[in-house]
């Protein structure tokens, strides 16, 4: 299975997969425990992230909608 997943990734034929627990033989635990480490060895699945948040990963400003600064800027505009 890791070979097939890697083949799709290397061919730029996909950017992700949706795994459905009730359709995945052995369940998601088996996939995570066996396939993911093989994909990580091949460089097809990251082992760690460079940034701590999605906003940082996307290169976005650290100010969030939940912050008071955002609300003040929006209210005064």
PDB file of N, CA and C in Angstrom:
ATOM      1  N   UNK A   1       0.822  -1.186   0.000  1.00  0.00           N
ATOM      2  CA  UNK A   1       0.000   0.000   0.000  1.00  0.00           C
ATOM      3  C   UNK A   1       0.871   1.257   0.000  1.00  0.00           C
ATOM      4  N   UNK A   2       1.961   1.248   0.758  1.00  0.00           N
ATOM      5  CA  UNK A   2       2.851   2.409   0.807  1.00  0.00           C
ATOM      6  C   UNK A   2       3.413   2.712  -0.574  1.00  0.00           C
ATOM      7  N   UNK A   3       3.718   1.680  -1.340  1.00  0.00           N
ATOM      8  CA  UNK A   3       4.261   1.876  -2.687  1.00  0.00           C
ATOM      9  C   UNK A   3       3.246   2.575  -3.584  1.00  0.00           C
ATOM     10  N   UNK A   4       1.990   2.163  -3.516  1.00  0.00           N
ATOM     11  CA  UNK A   4       0.943   2.790  -4.331  1.00  0.00           C
ATOM     12  C   UNK A   4       0.718   4.244  -3.924  1.00  0.00           C
ATOM     13  N   UNK A   5       0.640   4.499  -2.642  1.00  0.00           N
ATOM     14  CA  UNK A   5       0.444   5.866  -2.153  1.00  0.00           C
ATOM     15  C   UNK A   5       1.611   6.732  -2.599  1.00  0.00           C
ATOM     16  N   UNK A   6       2.829   6.245  -2.429  1.00  0.00           N
ATOM     17  CA  UNK A   6       4.022   6.988  -2.822  1.00  0.00           C
ATOM     18  C   UNK A   6       4.032   7.246  -4.327  1.00  0.00           C
ATOM     19  N   UNK A   7       3.604   6.281  -5.105  1.00  0.00           N
ATOM     20  CA  UNK A   7       3.577   6.431  -6.565  1.00  0.00           C
ATOM     21  C   UNK A   7       2.659   7.595  -6.959  1.00  0.00           C
ATOM     22  N   UNK A   8       1.502   7.684  -6.359  1.00  0.00           N
ATOM     23  CA  UNK A   8       0.588   8.792  -6.645  1.00  0.00           C
ATOM     24  C   UNK A   8       1.198  10.128  -6.236  1.00  0.00           C
ATOM     25  N   UNK A   9       1.825  10.166  -5.082  1.00  0.00           N
ATOM     26  CA  UNK A   9       2.427  11.410  -4.594  1.00  0.00           C
ATOM     27  C   UNK A   9       3.565  11.849  -5.506  1.00  0.00           C
ATOM     28  N   UNK A  10       4.455  10.934  -5.869  1.00  0.00           N
ATOM     29  CA  UNK A  10       5.599  11.266  -6.721  1.00  0.00           C
ATOM     30  C   UNK A  10       5.162  11.717  -8.111  1.00  0.00           C
ATOM     31  N   UNK A  11       4.034  11.224  -8.586  1.00  0.00           N
ATOM     32  CA  UNK A  11       3.520  11.603  -9.905  1.00  0.00           C
ATOM     33  C   UNK A  11       2.674  12.878  -9.849  1.00  0.00           C
ATOM     34  N   UNK A  12       2.609  13.513  -8.673  1.00  0.00           N
ATOM     35  CA  UNK A  12       1.755  14.693  -8.468  1.00  0.00           C
ATOM     36  C   UNK A  12       0.310  14.416  -8.885  1.00  0.00           C
ATOM     37  N   UNK A  13      -0.124  13.184  -8.683  1.00  0.00           N
ATOM     38  CA  UNK A  13      -1.484  12.789  -9.033  1.00  0.00           C
ATOM     39  C   UNK A  13      -2.456  13.069  -7.895  1.00  0.00           C
ATOM     40  N   UNK A  14      -1.935  13.456  -6.738  1.00  0.00           N
ATOM     41  CA  UNK A  14      -2.800  13.770  -5.602  1.00  0.00           C
ATOM     42  C   UNK A  14      -2.026  14.618  -4.607  1.00  0.00           C
ATOM     43  N   UNK A  15      -2.742  15.227  -3.698  1.00  0.00           N
ATOM     44  CA  UNK A  15      -2.087  15.966  -2.624  1.00  0.00           C
ATOM     45  C   UNK A  15      -2.551  15.477  -1.267  1.00  0.00           C
ATOM     46  N   UNK A  16      -3.281  14.376  -1.256  1.00  0.00           N
ATOM     47  CA  UNK A  16      -3.734  13.797   0.000  1.00  0.00           C
ATOM     48  C   UNK A  16      -4.713  12.673  -0.248  1.00  0.00           C
ATOM     49  N   UNK A  17      -5.038  11.985   0.812  1.00  0.00           N
ATOM     50  CA  UNK A  17      -5.965  10.866   0.741  1.00  0.00           C
ATOM     51  C   UNK A  17      -6.973  10.983   1.872  1.00  0.00           C
ATOM     52  N   UNK A  18      -8.169  10.511   1.631  1.00  0.00           N
ATOM     53  CA  UNK A  18      -9.181  10.434   2.674  1.00  0.00           C
ATOM     54  C   UNK A  18      -9.310   8.968   3.058  1.00  0.00           C
ATOM     55  N   UNK A  19      -9.021   8.672   4.304  1.00  0.00           N
ATOM     56  CA  UNK A  19      -9.112   7.300   4.797  1.00  0.00           C
ATOM     57  C   UNK A  19     -10.398   7.153   5.595  1.00  0.00           C
ATOM     58  N   UNK A  20     -11.213   6.230   5.201  1.00  0.00           N
ATOM     59  CA  UNK A  20     -12.497   5.999   5.855  1.00  0.00           C
ATOM     60  C   UNK A  20     -12.343   4.776   6.751  1.00  0.00           C
ATOM     61  N   UNK A  21     -12.450   4.954   8.064  1.00  0.00           N
ATOM     62  CA  UNK A  21     -12.172   3.853   8.997  1.00  0.00           C
ATOM     63  C   UNK A  21     -12.911   2.555   8.702  1.00  0.00           C
ATOM     64  N   UNK A  22     -14.183   2.619   8.354  1.00  0.00           N
ATOM     65  CA  UNK A  22     -14.922   1.370   8.150  1.00  0.00           C
ATOM     66  C   UNK A  22     -14.608   0.717   6.803  1.00  0.00           C
ATOM     67  N   UNK A  23     -13.889   1.403   5.918  1.00  0.00           N
ATOM     68  CA  UNK A  23     -13.496   0.821   4.638  1.00  0.00           C
ATOM     69  C   UNK A  23     -12.025   0.426   4.593  1.00  0.00           C
ATOM     70  N   UNK A  24     -11.262   0.856   5.571  1.00  0.00           N
ATOM     71  CA  UNK A  24      -9.830   0.578   5.608  1.00  0.00           C
ATOM     72  C   UNK A  24      -9.601  -0.757   6.299  1.00  0.00           C
ATOM     73  N   UNK A  25      -9.115  -1.760   5.564  1.00  0.00           N
ATOM     74  CA  UNK A  25      -8.864  -3.063   6.206  1.00  0.00           C
ATOM     75  C   UNK A  25      -7.918  -2.916   7.395  1.00  0.00           C
ATOM     76  N   UNK A  26      -8.287  -3.474   8.527  1.00  0.00           N
ATOM     77  CA  UNK A  26      -7.436  -3.394   9.706  1.00  0.00           C
ATOM     78  C   UNK A  26      -7.590  -2.110  10.485  1.00  0.00           C
ATOM     79  N   UNK A  27      -8.327  -1.161   9.952  1.00  0.00           N
ATOM     80  CA  UNK A  27      -8.539   0.089  10.651  1.00  0.00           C
ATOM     81  C   UNK A  27      -7.411   1.083  10.441  1.00  0.00           C
ATOM     82  N   UNK A  28      -7.611   2.269  10.947  1.00  0.00           N
ATOM     83  CA  UNK A  28      -6.629   3.334  10.781  1.00  0.00           C
ATOM     84  C   UNK A  28      -5.367   3.105  11.600  1.00  0.00           C
ATOM     85  N   UNK A  29      -5.488   2.417  12.721  1.00  0.00           N
ATOM     86  CA  UNK A  29      -4.303   2.165  13.549  1.00  0.00           C
ATOM     87  C   UNK A  29      -3.251   1.389  12.769  1.00  0.00           C
ATOM     88  N   UNK A  30      -3.667   0.367  12.034  1.00  0.00           N
ATOM     89  CA  UNK A  30      -2.716  -0.404  11.232  1.00  0.00           C
ATOM     90  C   UNK A  30      -2.069   0.465  10.165  1.00  0.00           C
ATOM     91  N   UNK A  31      -2.851   1.331   9.537  1.00  0.00           N
ATOM     92  CA  UNK A  31      -2.313   2.223   8.513  1.00  0.00           C
ATOM     93  C   UNK A  31      -1.265   3.150   9.122  1.00  0.00           C
ATOM     94  N   UNK A  32      -1.612   3.746  10.251  1.00  0.00           N
ATOM     95  CA  UNK A  32      -0.696   4.679  10.916  1.00  0.00           C
ATOM     96  C   UNK A  32       0.562   3.966  11.403  1.00  0.00           C
ATOM     97  N   UNK A  33       0.406   2.770  11.927  1.00  0.00           N
ATOM     98  CA  UNK A  33       1.545   2.035  12.487  1.00  0.00           C
ATOM     99  C   UNK A  33       2.447   1.406  11.432  1.00  0.00           C
ATOM    100  N   UNK A  34       1.914   1.090  10.252  1.00  0.00           N
ATOM    101  CA  UNK A  34       2.730   0.384   9.257  1.00  0.00           C
ATOM    102  C   UNK A  34       3.022   1.201   8.007  1.00  0.00           C
ATOM    103  N   UNK A  35       2.018   1.856   7.444  1.00  0.00           N
ATOM    104  CA  UNK A  35       2.201   2.565   6.178  1.00  0.00           C
ATOM    105  C   UNK A  35       2.860   3.927   6.374  1.00  0.00           C
ATOM    106  N   UNK A  36       2.416   4.683   7.355  1.00  0.00           N
ATOM    107  CA  UNK A  36       2.962   6.027   7.565  1.00  0.00           C
ATOM    108  C   UNK A  36       4.477   6.008   7.790  1.00  0.00           C
ATOM    109  N   UNK A  37       5.029   5.122   8.630  1.00  0.00           N
ATOM    110  CA  UNK A  37       6.488   5.103   8.780  1.00  0.00           C
ATOM    111  C   UNK A  37       7.226   4.817   7.464  1.00  0.00           C
ATOM    112  N   UNK A  38       6.668   3.967   6.619  1.00  0.00           N
ATOM    113  CA  UNK A  38       7.290   3.688   5.321  1.00  0.00           C
ATOM    114  C   UNK A  38       7.257   4.925   4.427  1.00  0.00           C
ATOM    115  N   UNK A  39       6.153   5.638   4.452  1.00  0.00           N
ATOM    116  CA  UNK A  39       6.052   6.868   3.668  1.00  0.00           C
ATOM    117  C   UNK A  39       7.006   7.936   4.190  1.00  0.00           C
ATOM    118  N   UNK A  40       7.184   7.996   5.507  1.00  0.00           N
ATOM    119  CA  UNK A  40       8.130   8.952   6.087  1.00  0.00           C
ATOM    120  C   UNK A  40       9.555   8.626   5.660  1.00  0.00           C
ATOM    121  N   UNK A  41       9.916   7.350   5.630  1.00  0.00           N
ATOM    122  CA  UNK A  41      11.253   6.947   5.178  1.00  0.00           C
ATOM    123  C   UNK A  41      11.492   7.368   3.733  1.00  0.00           C
ATOM    124  N   UNK A  42      10.462   7.337   2.920  1.00  0.00           N
ATOM    125  CA  UNK A  42      10.565   7.685   1.499  1.00  0.00           C
ATOM    126  C   UNK A  42      10.456   9.184   1.258  1.00  0.00           C
ATOM    127  N   UNK A  43      10.158   9.940   2.306  1.00  0.00           N
ATOM    128  CA  UNK A  43      10.002  11.382   2.169  1.00  0.00           C
ATOM    129  C   UNK A  43       8.650  11.801   1.610  1.00  0.00           C
ATOM    130  N   UNK A  44       7.689  10.888   1.595  1.00  0.00           N
ATOM    131  CA  UNK A  44       6.365  11.179   1.056  1.00  0.00           C
ATOM    132  C   UNK A  44       5.383  11.638   2.132  1.00  0.00           C
ATOM    133  N   UNK A  45       5.788  11.560   3.386  1.00  0.00           N
ATOM    134  CA  UNK A  45       4.922  11.965   4.498  1.00  0.00           C
ATOM    135  C   UNK A  45       5.821  12.611   5.537  1.00  0.00           C
ATOM    136  N   UNK A  46       5.526  13.842   5.885  1.00  0.00           N
ATOM    137  CA  UNK A  46       6.423  14.555   6.803  1.00  0.00           C
ATOM    138  C   UNK A  46       6.408  13.941   8.201  1.00  0.00           C
ATOM    139  N   UNK A  47       7.546  14.022   8.842  1.00  0.00           N
ATOM    140  CA  UNK A  47       7.691  13.484  10.196  1.00  0.00           C
ATOM    141  C   UNK A  47       7.470  14.579  11.240  1.00  0.00           C
ATOM    142  N   UNK A  48       7.681  15.828  10.842  1.00  0.00           N
ATOM    143  CA  UNK A  48       7.461  16.943  11.757  1.00  0.00           C
ATOM    144  C   UNK A  48       7.169  18.197  10.943  1.00  0.00           C
ATOM    145  N   UNK A  49       6.615  19.186  11.596  1.00  0.00           N
ATOM    146  CA  UNK A  49       6.267  20.435  10.941  1.00  0.00           C
ATOM    147  C   UNK A  49       7.293  21.501  11.294  1.00  0.00           C
ATOM    148  N   UNK A  50       7.513  22.432  10.357  1.00  0.00           N
ATOM    149  CA  UNK A  50       8.469  23.512  10.585  1.00  0.00           C
ATOM    150  C   UNK A  50       7.916  24.566  11.537  1.00  0.00           C
ATOM    151  N   UNK A  51       6.612  24.766  11.514  1.00  0.00           N
ATOM    152  CA  UNK A  51       5.978  25.807  12.313  1.00  0.00           C
ATOM    153  C   UNK A  51       5.002  25.183  13.299  1.00  0.00           C
ATOM    154  N   UNK A  52       4.616  25.980  14.292  1.00  0.00           N
ATOM    155  CA  UNK A  52       3.726  25.467  15.332  1.00  0.00           C
ATOM    156  C   UNK A  52       2.248  25.594  14.985  1.00  0.00           C
ATOM    157  N   UNK A  53       1.886  26.560  14.144  1.00  0.00           N
ATOM    158  CA  UNK A  53       0.473  26.762  13.830  1.00  0.00           C
ATOM    159  C   UNK A  53       0.259  26.738  12.320  1.00  0.00           C
ATOM    160  N   UNK A  54      -0.989  26.527  11.908  1.00  0.00           N
ATOM    161  CA  UNK A  54      -1.326  26.562  10.490  1.00  0.00           C
ATOM    162  C   UNK A  54      -1.071  27.953   9.923  1.00  0.00           C
ATOM    163  N   UNK A  55      -1.406  28.985  10.687  1.00  0.00           N
ATOM    164  CA  UNK A  55      -1.166  30.358  10.224  1.00  0.00           C
ATOM    165  C   UNK A  55       0.307  30.576   9.915  1.00  0.00           C
ATOM    166  N   UNK A  56       1.201  30.121  10.792  1.00  0.00           N
ATOM    167  CA  UNK A  56       2.633  30.262  10.551  1.00  0.00           C
ATOM    168  C   UNK A  56       3.048  29.458   9.323  1.00  0.00           C
ATOM    169  N   UNK A  57       2.506  28.263   9.187  1.00  0.00           N
ATOM    170  CA  UNK A  57       2.831  27.404   8.049  1.00  0.00           C
ATOM    171  C   UNK A  57       2.432  28.076   6.729  1.00  0.00           C
ATOM    172  N   UNK A  58       1.312  28.800   6.735  1.00  0.00           N
ATOM    173  CA  UNK A  58       0.833  29.486   5.541  1.00  0.00           C
ATOM    174  C   UNK A  58       1.466  30.862   5.356  1.00  0.00           C
ATOM    175  N   UNK A  59       2.310  31.278   6.311  1.00  0.00           N
ATOM    176  CA  UNK A  59       2.976  32.568   6.217  1.00  0.00           C
ATOM    177  C   UNK A  59       2.063  33.745   6.525  1.00  0.00           C
ATOM    178  N   UNK A  60       1.024  33.503   7.322  1.00  0.00           N
ATOM    179  CA  UNK A  60       0.067  34.554   7.656  1.00  0.00           C
ATOM    180  C   UNK A  60       0.473  35.295   8.922  1.00  0.00           C
ATOM    181  N   UNK A  61      -0.023  36.506   9.039  1.00  0.00           N
ATOM    182  CA  UNK A  61       0.196  37.340  10.210  1.00  0.00           C
ATOM    183  C   UNK A  61      -0.308  36.612  11.462  1.00  0.00           C
ATOM    184  N   UNK A  62       0.425  36.676  12.568  1.00  0.00           N
ATOM    185  CA  UNK A  62       0.010  35.960  13.775  1.00  0.00           C
ATOM    186  C   UNK A  62      -1.249  36.498  14.441  1.00  0.00           C
ATOM    187  N   UNK A  63      -1.742  37.676  14.057  1.00  0.00           N
ATOM    188  CA  UNK A  63      -2.966  38.209  14.653  1.00  0.00           C
ATOM    189  C   UNK A  63      -4.138  37.364  14.180  1.00  0.00           C
ATOM    190  N   UNK A  64      -4.938  36.909  15.121  1.00  0.00           N
ATOM    191  CA  UNK A  64      -6.087  36.072  14.769  1.00  0.00           C
ATOM    192  C   UNK A  64      -7.387  36.816  15.019  1.00  0.00           C
ATOM    193  N   UNK A  65      -8.470  36.279  14.512  1.00  0.00           N
ATOM    194  CA  UNK A  65      -9.791  36.879  14.724  1.00  0.00           C
ATOM    195  C   UNK A  65     -10.166  36.878  16.202  1.00  0.00           C
ATOM    196  N   UNK A  66      -9.612  35.967  16.963  1.00  0.00           N
ATOM    197  CA  UNK A  66      -9.948  35.873  18.384  1.00  0.00           C
ATOM    198  C   UNK A  66      -9.246  36.940  19.216  1.00  0.00           C
ATOM    199  N   UNK A  67      -8.264  37.609  18.644  1.00  0.00           N
ATOM    200  CA  UNK A  67      -7.511  38.581  19.440  1.00  0.00           C
ATOM    201  C   UNK A  67      -8.278  39.892  19.559  1.00  0.00           C
ATOM    202  N   UNK A  68      -8.047  40.590  20.632  1.00  0.00           N
ATOM    203  CA  UNK A  68      -8.678  41.885  20.845  1.00  0.00           C
ATOM    204  C   UNK A  68      -8.238  42.905  19.814  1.00  0.00           C
ATOM    205  N   UNK A  69      -6.982  42.821  19.340  1.00  0.00           N
ATOM    206  CA  UNK A  69      -6.482  43.762  18.347  1.00  0.00           C
ATOM    207  C   UNK A  69      -7.318  43.710  17.077  1.00  0.00           C
ATOM    208  N   UNK A  70      -7.668  42.524  16.639  1.00  0.00           N
ATOM    209  CA  UNK A  70      -8.456  42.376  15.416  1.00  0.00           C
ATOM    210  C   UNK A  70      -9.825  43.033  15.588  1.00  0.00           C
ATOM    211  N   UNK A  71     -10.460  42.797  16.715  1.00  0.00           N
ATOM    212  CA  UNK A  71     -11.789  43.372  16.952  1.00  0.00           C
ATOM    213  C   UNK A  71     -11.722  44.897  16.999  1.00  0.00           C
ATOM    214  N   UNK A  72     -10.692  45.449  17.638  1.00  0.00           N
ATOM    215  CA  UNK A  72     -10.568  46.906  17.717  1.00  0.00           C
ATOM    216  C   UNK A  72     -10.365  47.495  16.325  1.00  0.00           C
ATOM    217  N   UNK A  73      -9.504  46.871  15.496  1.00  0.00           N
ATOM    218  CA  UNK A  73      -9.256  47.378  14.149  1.00  0.00           C
ATOM    219  C   UNK A  73     -10.530  47.330  13.315  1.00  0.00           C
ATOM    220  N   UNK A  74     -11.281  46.258  13.426  1.00  0.00           N
ATOM    221  CA  UNK A  74     -12.506  46.098  12.649  1.00  0.00           C
ATOM    222  C   UNK A  74     -13.569  47.093  13.101  1.00  0.00           C
ATOM    223  N   UNK A  75     -13.700  47.300  14.392  1.00  0.00           N
ATOM    224  CA  UNK A  75     -14.726  48.190  14.932  1.00  0.00           C
ATOM    225  C   UNK A  75     -14.455  49.645  14.564  1.00  0.00           C
ATOM    226  N   UNK A  76     -13.194  50.044  14.480  1.00  0.00           N
ATOM    227  CA  UNK A  76     -12.869  51.435  14.191  1.00  0.00           C
ATOM    228  C   UNK A  76     -12.862  51.735  12.698  1.00  0.00           C
ATOM    229  N   UNK A  77     -12.939  50.726  11.864  1.00  0.00           N
ATOM    230  CA  UNK A  77     -12.870  50.946  10.406  1.00  0.00           C
ATOM    231  C   UNK A  77     -14.183  51.411   9.835  1.00  0.00           C
TER     232      UNK A  77
END
